[in-house]
Amino acid sequence: MGEMSSAEREIVERAKAEPMLGQVEAWAAVNSGSRNLPGLQHMAGLLADAFSRLAGEVELVEPRPVETIDASGAKVELEHGRNLRLTVRPEARVQLLLTGHMDTVFDADHGFQQMRWIENGVLNGPGVADMKGGIAVMLAALKAVEASAGAQQLGYQVIINSDEEVGSPGSAALLAQAASGKTAALTYEPAALPDGTLAGSRPGSGNFSFVVRGRSAHAGRNPQDGRNAIVAASELALRLAMSRTPGLSINPARIDGGSPNNVVPDLAILRVNMRPRTGDDEEIARRLVAKALDETAREHQVYIEVHGGFGRPPKPMTPEAEALFGLVAEAGADLGQVIGWKATGGVCDGNNIAACGVPVVDTMGVRGGKIHSMEEFLIVESLGERAALSALTILRLAGGAR
């Protein structure tokens, strides 16, 4: 360890001693896929009980209503789970935001449900890194900080949402509300690389559903009277894919709709994800979409409705963000940890928090890898490492215990 006070050393050791592995194993045993509402309800209850050990008030907050477009082109309400909010000392001088998510990408009927040891110290399991390990790290750090003399100088909110893996549509407003007035934020996504590297700048992300409505006709008798929605949607997908730029990735991902083989299809729904690197790239994307829609609709004589939008703004490295990264890196150095950061193509709730003007480090969680796959793993020794890093960072943000 480097230049730490005796008080800091005590808090760091307390954080490392928390029983995090048992928590991760218990939580990862619960399937809490983003669409598994009973599983999310169970997980929310477990987390509410765990975080009630801290000072403050724990609430389970209902999500905002969310609409989506189904395979028939109709608007339907999409249910999400409740979100945990903990508020501690809202009157304190320094106010922080700590966030995580209880959902995973693994549905209730997904084949990946069990944990196993890949080797000594490396645990494979659903959500062990992304991010049930991260939540355990957050809780351990906060419990340690609460035991410090400097805790009374610090206020904070914890938000653990139920829909981060699907873009946080039901919790985005809650995150924005919680970010208001905060000095800084820490989010507990797993490290960008297994060596502990943090994610720096991130692109934005937008999800769109383009509902293409044509005209049905008999495919043999009078196909010329039809307007083929599948063909129009396919051309729209190609136009968008060919419009990508160095600062804008465009991924046409799926087409729903169609008809029997002997009918000209009058409906198709094209699903597209776009990732602009900057705010200017997002504006370019809007213009490209408008142009592609206009050209496709005119050429194929179809009507196209647009649903969705950019739910994750780009997250640049601002001077304030760089200062926060520097503070985390210094804490890491004092703990004997080398903390670097790099740009990444992924997105998370850190994008939304940064858009509120709050500097955020959004990969304070565990070291691991292969997330979103059946090979996801947690490096167990990183639980103590990252809990220590968080505890020291939080303590210094609060004014320190030098």
Protein backbone atom coordinates (compact mmCIF):
# COMPACT_ATOMS: atom_id res chain seq x y z
CA MET A 1 0.00 0.00 0.00
CA GLY A 2 1.05 3.58 -0.63
CA GLU A 3 0.31 6.91 1.02
CA MET A 4 -2.74 6.20 3.18
CA SER A 5 -3.58 7.36 6.66
CA SER A 6 -4.17 4.85 9.42
CA ALA A 7 -7.89 5.66 9.28
CA GLU A 8 -7.95 4.95 5.56
CA ARG A 9 -6.11 1.68 6.04
CA GLU A 10 -8.67 0.60 8.62
CA ILE A 11 -11.60 1.31 6.28
CA VAL A 12 -9.89 -0.42 3.35
CA GLU A 13 -9.28 -3.56 5.41
CA ARG A 14 -12.88 -3.50 6.63
CA ALA A 15 -14.15 -3.35 3.02
CA LYS A 16 -11.95 -6.25 1.93
CA ALA A 17 -13.17 -8.38 4.84
CA GLU A 18 -16.85 -8.22 3.86
CA PRO A 19 -18.31 -11.66 2.85
CA MET A 20 -18.84 -10.77 -0.79
CA LEU A 21 -18.37 -14.16 -2.45
CA GLY A 22 -21.28 -15.68 -0.55
CA GLN A 23 -23.49 -12.78 -1.60
CA VAL A 24 -22.53 -13.18 -5.24
CA GLU A 25 -23.27 -16.89 -5.16
CA ALA A 26 -26.66 -16.34 -3.52
CA TRP A 27 -27.62 -13.56 -5.91
CA ALA A 28 -26.37 -15.33 -9.05
CA ALA A 29 -28.52 -18.32 -8.12
CA VAL A 30 -31.57 -16.11 -8.79
CA ASN A 31 -32.45 -15.72 -12.46
CA SER A 32 -33.13 -12.01 -12.83
CA GLY A 33 -33.23 -11.63 -16.59
CA SER A 34 -34.58 -8.27 -17.69
CA ARG A 35 -37.92 -9.82 -18.73
CA ASN A 36 -38.22 -12.24 -15.81
CA LEU A 37 -40.51 -10.19 -13.56
CA PRO A 38 -40.86 -12.81 -10.77
CA GLY A 39 -37.09 -13.26 -10.71
CA LEU A 40 -36.55 -9.50 -10.57
CA GLN A 41 -39.05 -9.22 -7.73
CA HIS A 42 -37.15 -11.88 -5.79
CA MET A 43 -33.83 -10.18 -6.51
CA ALA A 44 -35.17 -6.76 -5.49
CA GLY A 45 -36.26 -8.20 -2.17
CA LEU A 46 -32.84 -9.73 -1.51
CA LEU A 47 -31.11 -6.45 -2.35
CA ALA A 48 -33.52 -4.37 -0.30
CA ASP A 49 -32.72 -6.56 2.69
CA ALA A 50 -28.96 -6.34 2.07
CA PHE A 51 -28.89 -2.55 1.62
CA SER A 52 -31.16 -1.96 4.62
CA ARG A 53 -28.01 -2.66 6.71
CA LEU A 54 -26.86 0.83 5.72
CA ALA A 55 -28.14 4.08 7.15
CA GLY A 56 -31.00 5.71 5.29
CA GLU A 57 -34.24 4.69 3.64
CA VAL A 58 -34.61 1.85 1.14
CA GLU A 59 -37.47 2.06 -1.37
CA LEU A 60 -38.59 -0.07 -4.28
CA VAL A 61 -39.68 2.38 -6.96
CA GLU A 62 -42.10 1.51 -9.74
CA PRO A 63 -40.75 1.91 -13.30
CA ARG A 64 -42.06 4.50 -15.73
CA PRO A 65 -44.53 3.13 -18.34
CA VAL A 66 -42.75 1.94 -21.50
CA GLU A 67 -44.21 1.23 -24.93
CA THR A 68 -42.75 -1.04 -27.56
CA ILE A 69 -43.72 -2.22 -31.03
CA ASP A 70 -44.69 -5.88 -31.29
CA ALA A 71 -44.32 -8.17 -34.31
CA SER A 72 -47.73 -7.05 -35.62
CA GLY A 73 -46.66 -3.39 -35.63
CA ALA A 74 -48.91 -2.49 -32.68
CA LYS A 75 -47.90 -0.42 -29.68
CA VAL A 76 -47.94 -2.47 -26.50
CA GLU A 77 -46.94 -1.71 -22.93
CA LEU A 78 -43.77 -3.44 -21.81
CA GLU A 79 -43.52 -4.27 -18.12
CA HIS A 80 -40.34 -3.85 -16.11
CA GLY A 81 -39.38 -4.63 -12.54
CA ARG A 82 -39.17 -2.23 -9.65
CA ASN A 83 -35.96 -0.32 -8.94
CA LEU A 84 -34.14 -0.03 -5.63
CA ARG A 85 -33.38 3.43 -4.26
CA LEU A 86 -31.45 4.07 -1.05
CA THR A 87 -31.10 7.63 0.23
CA VAL A 88 -28.56 8.41 2.95
CA ARG A 89 -28.00 11.82 4.59
CA PRO A 90 -29.49 14.05 1.86
CA GLU A 91 -28.49 17.09 3.92
CA ALA A 92 -24.75 16.30 3.90
CA ARG A 93 -22.24 18.61 2.24
CA VAL A 94 -20.97 16.07 -0.32
CA GLN A 95 -23.54 14.10 -2.32
CA LEU A 96 -22.61 11.06 -4.41
CA LEU A 97 -24.55 8.70 -6.65
CA LEU A 98 -23.77 4.98 -6.84
CA THR A 99 -25.58 2.83 -9.36
CA GLY A 100 -25.88 -0.75 -10.48
CA HIS A 101 -28.38 -3.11 -12.07
CA MET A 102 -30.01 -6.27 -10.81
CA ASP A 103 -31.01 -7.61 -14.24
CA THR A 104 -28.98 -9.93 -16.44
CA VAL A 105 -29.22 -10.80 -20.14
CA PHE A 106 -30.20 -14.41 -19.37
CA ASP A 107 -33.94 -15.11 -19.68
CA ALA A 108 -35.82 -17.37 -17.30
CA ASP A 109 -35.62 -20.25 -19.79
CA HIS A 110 -32.01 -19.63 -20.85
CA GLY A 111 -29.67 -22.60 -20.62
CA PHE A 112 -27.18 -20.71 -18.43
CA GLN A 113 -28.48 -21.03 -14.88
CA GLN A 114 -25.73 -22.67 -12.81
CA MET A 115 -22.39 -21.63 -11.36
CA ARG A 116 -19.18 -23.65 -11.54
CA TRP A 117 -15.52 -23.15 -10.73
CA ILE A 118 -13.46 -22.89 -13.92
CA GLU A 119 -10.28 -23.01 -11.84
CA ASN A 120 -9.24 -21.98 -8.38
CA GLY A 121 -10.41 -18.40 -7.85
CA VAL A 122 -12.37 -18.08 -11.12
CA LEU A 123 -16.15 -18.49 -10.88
CA ASN A 124 -18.35 -19.00 -13.95
CA GLY A 125 -22.03 -18.12 -13.62
CA PRO A 126 -24.88 -15.93 -14.85
CA GLY A 127 -24.35 -12.35 -13.74
CA VAL A 128 -21.37 -13.06 -11.47
CA ALA A 129 -19.43 -10.24 -13.14
CA ASP A 130 -22.24 -8.26 -14.75
CA MET A 131 -23.09 -7.25 -12.21
CA LYS A 132 -23.94 -9.13 -9.05
CA GLY A 133 -20.26 -9.06 -8.19
CA GLY A 134 -20.28 -5.30 -8.71
CA ILE A 135 -23.26 -4.84 -6.39
CA ALA A 136 -21.46 -6.83 -3.69
CA VAL A 137 -18.41 -4.58 -4.12
CA MET A 138 -20.55 -1.45 -3.84
CA LEU A 139 -22.27 -2.67 -0.67
CA ALA A 140 -19.00 -3.73 0.97
CA ALA A 141 -17.42 -0.33 0.27
CA LEU A 142 -20.40 1.57 1.64
CA LYS A 143 -20.57 -0.54 4.80
CA ALA A 144 -16.89 0.15 5.41
CA VAL A 145 -17.27 3.88 4.80
CA GLU A 146 -20.28 4.02 7.14
CA ALA A 147 -18.00 2.77 9.91
CA SER A 148 -15.60 5.69 9.40
CA ALA A 149 -15.45 8.96 11.28
CA GLY A 150 -15.92 10.83 8.00
CA ALA A 151 -19.21 9.19 7.10
CA GLN A 152 -21.31 12.04 8.47
CA GLN A 153 -19.80 14.39 5.88
CA LEU A 154 -21.16 12.22 3.10
CA GLY A 155 -24.63 11.82 1.62
CA TYR A 156 -25.44 9.50 -1.21
CA GLN A 157 -28.10 7.73 -3.20
CA VAL A 158 -27.89 4.19 -4.48
CA ILE A 159 -29.95 3.23 -7.52
CA ILE A 160 -30.05 -0.41 -8.58
CA ASN A 161 -32.35 -0.68 -11.57
CA SER A 162 -34.07 -3.64 -13.16
CA ASP A 163 -33.73 -2.80 -16.86
CA GLU A 164 -30.18 -1.63 -17.60
CA GLU A 165 -29.51 -4.53 -19.96
CA VAL A 166 -32.41 -3.42 -22.17
CA GLY A 167 -31.48 0.28 -22.17
CA SER A 168 -33.04 1.47 -18.87
CA PRO A 169 -36.29 2.67 -20.47
CA GLY A 170 -38.29 2.36 -17.25
CA SER A 171 -35.59 3.74 -14.95
CA ALA A 172 -33.95 6.53 -16.99
CA ALA A 173 -36.06 9.22 -15.30
CA LEU A 174 -35.17 7.83 -11.87
CA LEU A 175 -31.46 7.93 -12.75
CA ALA A 176 -31.72 11.52 -13.98
CA GLN A 177 -33.55 12.55 -10.82
CA ALA A 178 -30.95 10.87 -8.63
CA ALA A 179 -28.05 12.48 -10.55
CA SER A 180 -29.35 15.98 -9.90
CA GLY A 181 -27.04 17.91 -7.59
CA LYS A 182 -24.51 15.11 -7.14
CA THR A 183 -20.77 15.83 -6.91
CA ALA A 184 -19.77 12.62 -8.68
CA ALA A 185 -21.06 9.15 -9.51
CA LEU A 186 -19.70 5.61 -9.44
CA THR A 187 -21.33 2.80 -11.41
CA TYR A 188 -20.47 -0.85 -10.85
CA GLU A 189 -20.24 -2.38 -14.29
CA PRO A 190 -17.38 -4.88 -14.51
CA ALA A 191 -13.96 -3.58 -15.49
CA ALA A 192 -13.49 -3.04 -19.22
CA LEU A 193 -10.65 -5.60 -19.26
CA PRO A 194 -9.77 -8.49 -16.92
CA ASP A 195 -6.73 -6.54 -15.71
CA GLY A 196 -9.02 -3.92 -14.14
CA THR A 197 -8.86 -1.26 -16.84
CA LEU A 198 -11.76 1.20 -16.59
CA ALA A 199 -14.00 2.30 -19.45
CA GLY A 200 -13.40 5.91 -20.43
CA SER A 201 -15.42 7.56 -23.17
CA ARG A 202 -18.39 5.71 -24.61
CA PRO A 203 -20.56 6.21 -27.69
CA GLY A 204 -24.28 6.77 -27.41
CA SER A 205 -26.90 4.25 -28.41
CA GLY A 206 -30.31 4.37 -30.02
CA ASN A 207 -32.81 1.60 -30.73
CA PHE A 208 -35.38 2.07 -33.46
CA SER A 209 -38.34 0.16 -34.85
CA PHE A 210 -39.37 1.18 -38.38
CA VAL A 211 -42.89 -0.03 -39.15
CA VAL A 212 -43.25 -0.36 -42.92
CA ARG A 213 -46.83 -0.55 -44.23
CA GLY A 214 -47.37 -1.53 -47.84
CA ARG A 215 -50.32 -3.06 -49.72
CA SER A 216 -51.21 -6.74 -50.01
CA ALA A 217 -52.05 -8.40 -53.32
CA HIS A 218 -52.12 -11.88 -54.85
CA ALA A 219 -48.54 -12.89 -55.60
CA GLY A 220 -49.58 -14.63 -58.84
CA ARG A 221 -52.62 -12.80 -60.21
CA ASN A 222 -51.83 -9.13 -59.57
CA PRO A 223 -48.51 -8.65 -57.78
CA GLN A 224 -48.10 -5.29 -59.51
CA ASP A 225 -50.94 -3.92 -57.38
CA GLY A 226 -49.11 -4.77 -54.16
CA ARG A 227 -46.51 -2.77 -52.29
CA ASN A 228 -44.05 -5.21 -50.75
CA ALA A 229 -43.23 -4.15 -47.20
CA ILE A 230 -40.52 -6.80 -46.78
CA VAL A 231 -38.65 -5.56 -49.86
CA ALA A 232 -38.99 -1.95 -48.69
CA ALA A 233 -37.77 -2.82 -45.17
CA SER A 234 -34.83 -4.73 -46.65
CA GLU A 235 -33.84 -1.78 -48.79
CA LEU A 236 -34.20 0.55 -45.83
CA ALA A 237 -31.87 -1.75 -43.88
CA LEU A 238 -29.32 -1.59 -46.69
CA ARG A 239 -29.59 2.19 -47.02
CA LEU A 240 -29.01 2.62 -43.30
CA ALA A 241 -26.15 0.10 -43.16
CA MET A 242 -24.40 1.84 -46.05
CA SER A 243 -24.80 5.21 -44.32
CA ARG A 244 -22.48 4.36 -41.43
CA THR A 245 -19.60 6.75 -40.82
CA PRO A 246 -16.37 6.54 -38.76
CA GLY A 247 -18.30 8.11 -35.88
CA LEU A 248 -21.54 6.22 -36.33
CA SER A 249 -22.15 2.48 -36.36
CA ILE A 250 -25.52 1.27 -37.69
CA ASN A 251 -26.68 -2.29 -37.11
CA PRO A 252 -29.91 -3.47 -38.79
CA ALA A 253 -30.68 -6.38 -36.47
CA ARG A 254 -34.04 -7.92 -37.35
CA ILE A 255 -37.06 -7.79 -39.65
CA ASP A 256 -40.45 -8.99 -38.38
CA GLY A 257 -43.59 -9.35 -40.48
CA GLY A 258 -44.23 -10.94 -43.83
CA SER A 259 -47.07 -13.04 -45.21
CA PRO A 260 -47.80 -16.42 -46.84
CA ASN A 261 -45.76 -17.09 -49.98
CA ASN A 262 -48.69 -16.33 -52.28
CA VAL A 263 -49.41 -12.90 -50.81
CA VAL A 264 -47.46 -9.67 -51.31
CA PRO A 265 -46.64 -8.72 -47.69
CA ASP A 266 -48.08 -5.44 -46.47
CA LEU A 267 -46.24 -5.23 -43.14
CA ALA A 268 -42.62 -5.39 -41.95
CA ILE A 269 -40.90 -4.09 -38.83
CA LEU A 270 -37.20 -3.32 -39.10
CA ARG A 271 -35.22 -3.16 -35.81
CA VAL A 272 -32.01 -1.12 -35.85
CA ASN A 273 -29.37 -0.11 -33.30
CA MET A 274 -27.22 2.99 -33.87
CA ARG A 275 -24.16 4.09 -31.90
CA PRO A 276 -22.98 7.69 -32.40
CA ARG A 277 -19.57 8.55 -30.98
CA THR A 278 -20.42 12.20 -30.27
CA GLY A 279 -23.40 14.51 -30.11
CA ASP A 280 -22.59 15.70 -33.64
CA ASP A 281 -22.64 12.08 -34.84
CA GLU A 282 -26.07 11.66 -33.24
CA GLU A 283 -27.35 14.65 -35.21
CA ILE A 284 -25.84 13.16 -38.38
CA ALA A 285 -27.68 9.94 -37.62
CA ARG A 286 -31.00 11.77 -37.38
CA ARG A 287 -30.45 13.33 -40.79
CA LEU A 288 -29.38 10.01 -42.34
CA VAL A 289 -32.48 8.29 -40.98
CA ALA A 290 -34.77 11.00 -42.34
CA LYS A 291 -33.14 10.77 -45.78
CA ALA A 292 -33.29 6.96 -45.91
CA LEU A 293 -36.93 6.94 -44.84
CA ASP A 294 -37.94 9.52 -47.42
CA GLU A 295 -36.13 7.79 -50.29
CA THR A 296 -37.41 4.31 -49.38
CA ALA A 297 -41.01 5.43 -48.87
CA ARG A 298 -41.10 7.27 -52.21
CA GLU A 299 -39.40 4.54 -54.21
CA HIS A 300 -41.59 1.70 -52.88
CA GLN A 301 -44.76 3.72 -52.26
CA VAL A 302 -45.02 2.56 -48.67
CA TYR A 303 -45.71 4.34 -45.38
CA ILE A 304 -43.04 4.15 -42.66
CA GLU A 305 -43.59 4.94 -38.98
CA VAL A 306 -40.61 5.54 -36.67
CA HIS A 307 -40.61 4.40 -33.06
CA GLY A 308 -37.82 4.58 -30.50
CA GLY A 309 -34.84 6.90 -30.33
CA PHE A 310 -31.50 7.57 -28.68
CA GLY A 311 -31.78 6.37 -25.08
CA ARG A 312 -28.06 6.54 -24.23
CA PRO A 313 -26.30 9.85 -25.02
CA PRO A 314 -22.59 9.75 -25.93
CA LYS A 315 -20.26 9.94 -22.91
CA PRO A 316 -17.13 11.98 -23.68
CA MET A 317 -14.12 12.35 -21.39
CA THR A 318 -14.66 15.84 -19.97
CA PRO A 319 -12.12 17.61 -17.73
CA GLU A 320 -14.36 16.84 -14.74
CA ALA A 321 -14.47 13.15 -15.70
CA GLU A 322 -10.70 13.07 -16.14
CA ALA A 323 -10.28 14.55 -12.65
CA LEU A 324 -12.49 11.83 -11.18
CA PHE A 325 -10.60 9.13 -13.07
CA GLY A 326 -7.39 10.63 -11.72
CA LEU A 327 -8.69 10.41 -8.15
CA VAL A 328 -9.60 6.74 -8.66
CA ALA A 329 -6.20 6.04 -10.21
CA GLU A 330 -4.42 7.69 -7.28
CA ALA A 331 -6.46 5.61 -4.82
CA GLY A 332 -5.52 2.54 -6.84
CA ALA A 333 -1.84 3.45 -6.75
CA ASP A 334 -1.99 3.83 -2.96
CA LEU A 335 -3.48 0.33 -2.83
CA GLY A 336 -0.85 -1.13 -5.15
CA GLN A 337 -3.32 -1.38 -8.04
CA VAL A 338 -2.52 -0.03 -11.51
CA ILE A 339 -5.69 1.70 -12.77
CA GLY A 340 -5.86 2.77 -16.40
CA TRP A 341 -8.77 3.52 -18.70
CA LYS A 342 -9.63 3.28 -22.36
CA ALA A 343 -12.47 4.17 -24.71
CA THR A 344 -15.03 1.44 -25.27
CA GLY A 345 -17.84 0.75 -27.71
CA GLY A 346 -20.28 -0.37 -25.04
CA VAL A 347 -22.92 1.74 -23.30
CA CYS A 348 -24.44 1.73 -19.82
CA ASP A 349 -26.17 3.93 -17.25
CA GLY A 350 -22.96 5.92 -17.02
CA ASN A 351 -23.95 7.49 -20.35
CA ASN A 352 -27.20 8.77 -18.86
CA ILE A 353 -25.52 10.05 -15.71
CA ALA A 354 -22.81 11.89 -17.64
CA ALA A 355 -25.49 13.55 -19.77
CA CYS A 356 -26.79 15.14 -16.54
CA GLY A 357 -23.44 16.92 -16.13
CA VAL A 358 -22.16 14.61 -13.37
CA PRO A 359 -18.67 13.09 -13.74
CA VAL A 360 -18.88 9.31 -13.51
CA VAL A 361 -16.58 6.30 -13.47
CA ASP A 362 -18.83 3.50 -14.59
CA THR A 363 -16.65 0.37 -14.35
CA MET A 364 -15.96 0.22 -10.62
CA GLY A 365 -17.13 -3.40 -10.47
CA VAL A 366 -15.20 -6.64 -10.46
CA ARG A 367 -12.55 -7.99 -12.77
CA GLY A 368 -13.85 -10.76 -14.98
CA GLY A 369 -14.87 -11.26 -18.57
CA LYS A 370 -16.92 -12.87 -21.35
CA ILE A 371 -20.03 -11.13 -20.06
CA HIS A 372 -23.33 -11.71 -21.86
CA SER A 373 -22.23 -15.25 -22.65
CA MET A 374 -22.36 -18.67 -20.99
CA GLU A 375 -18.63 -18.26 -20.35
CA GLU A 376 -19.03 -15.20 -18.09
CA PHE A 377 -16.56 -15.33 -15.23
CA LEU A 378 -15.58 -13.52 -12.05
CA ILE A 379 -12.00 -13.30 -10.75
CA VAL A 380 -12.78 -13.75 -7.07
CA GLU A 381 -9.74 -11.92 -5.68
CA SER A 382 -11.02 -8.79 -7.40
CA LEU A 383 -13.94 -8.57 -4.96
CA GLY A 384 -11.61 -7.43 -2.19
CA GLU A 385 -9.46 -5.36 -4.54
CA ARG A 386 -12.37 -3.38 -5.97
CA ALA A 387 -14.15 -2.99 -2.63
CA ALA A 388 -10.96 -1.45 -1.26
CA LEU A 389 -10.67 0.82 -4.31
CA SER A 390 -14.26 2.00 -3.95
CA ALA A 391 -14.04 2.54 -0.20
CA LEU A 392 -10.91 4.66 -0.51
CA THR A 393 -12.33 6.62 -3.46
CA ILE A 394 -15.60 7.34 -1.66
CA LEU A 395 -13.79 8.32 1.52
CA ARG A 396 -11.61 10.81 -0.35
CA LEU A 397 -14.55 12.22 -2.29
CA ALA A 398 -16.23 12.83 1.08
CA GLY A 399 -13.24 14.79 2.36
CA GLY A 400 -10.98 11.99 3.44
CA ALA A 401 -9.72 10.60 6.70
CA ARG A 402 -6.05 11.55 6.44
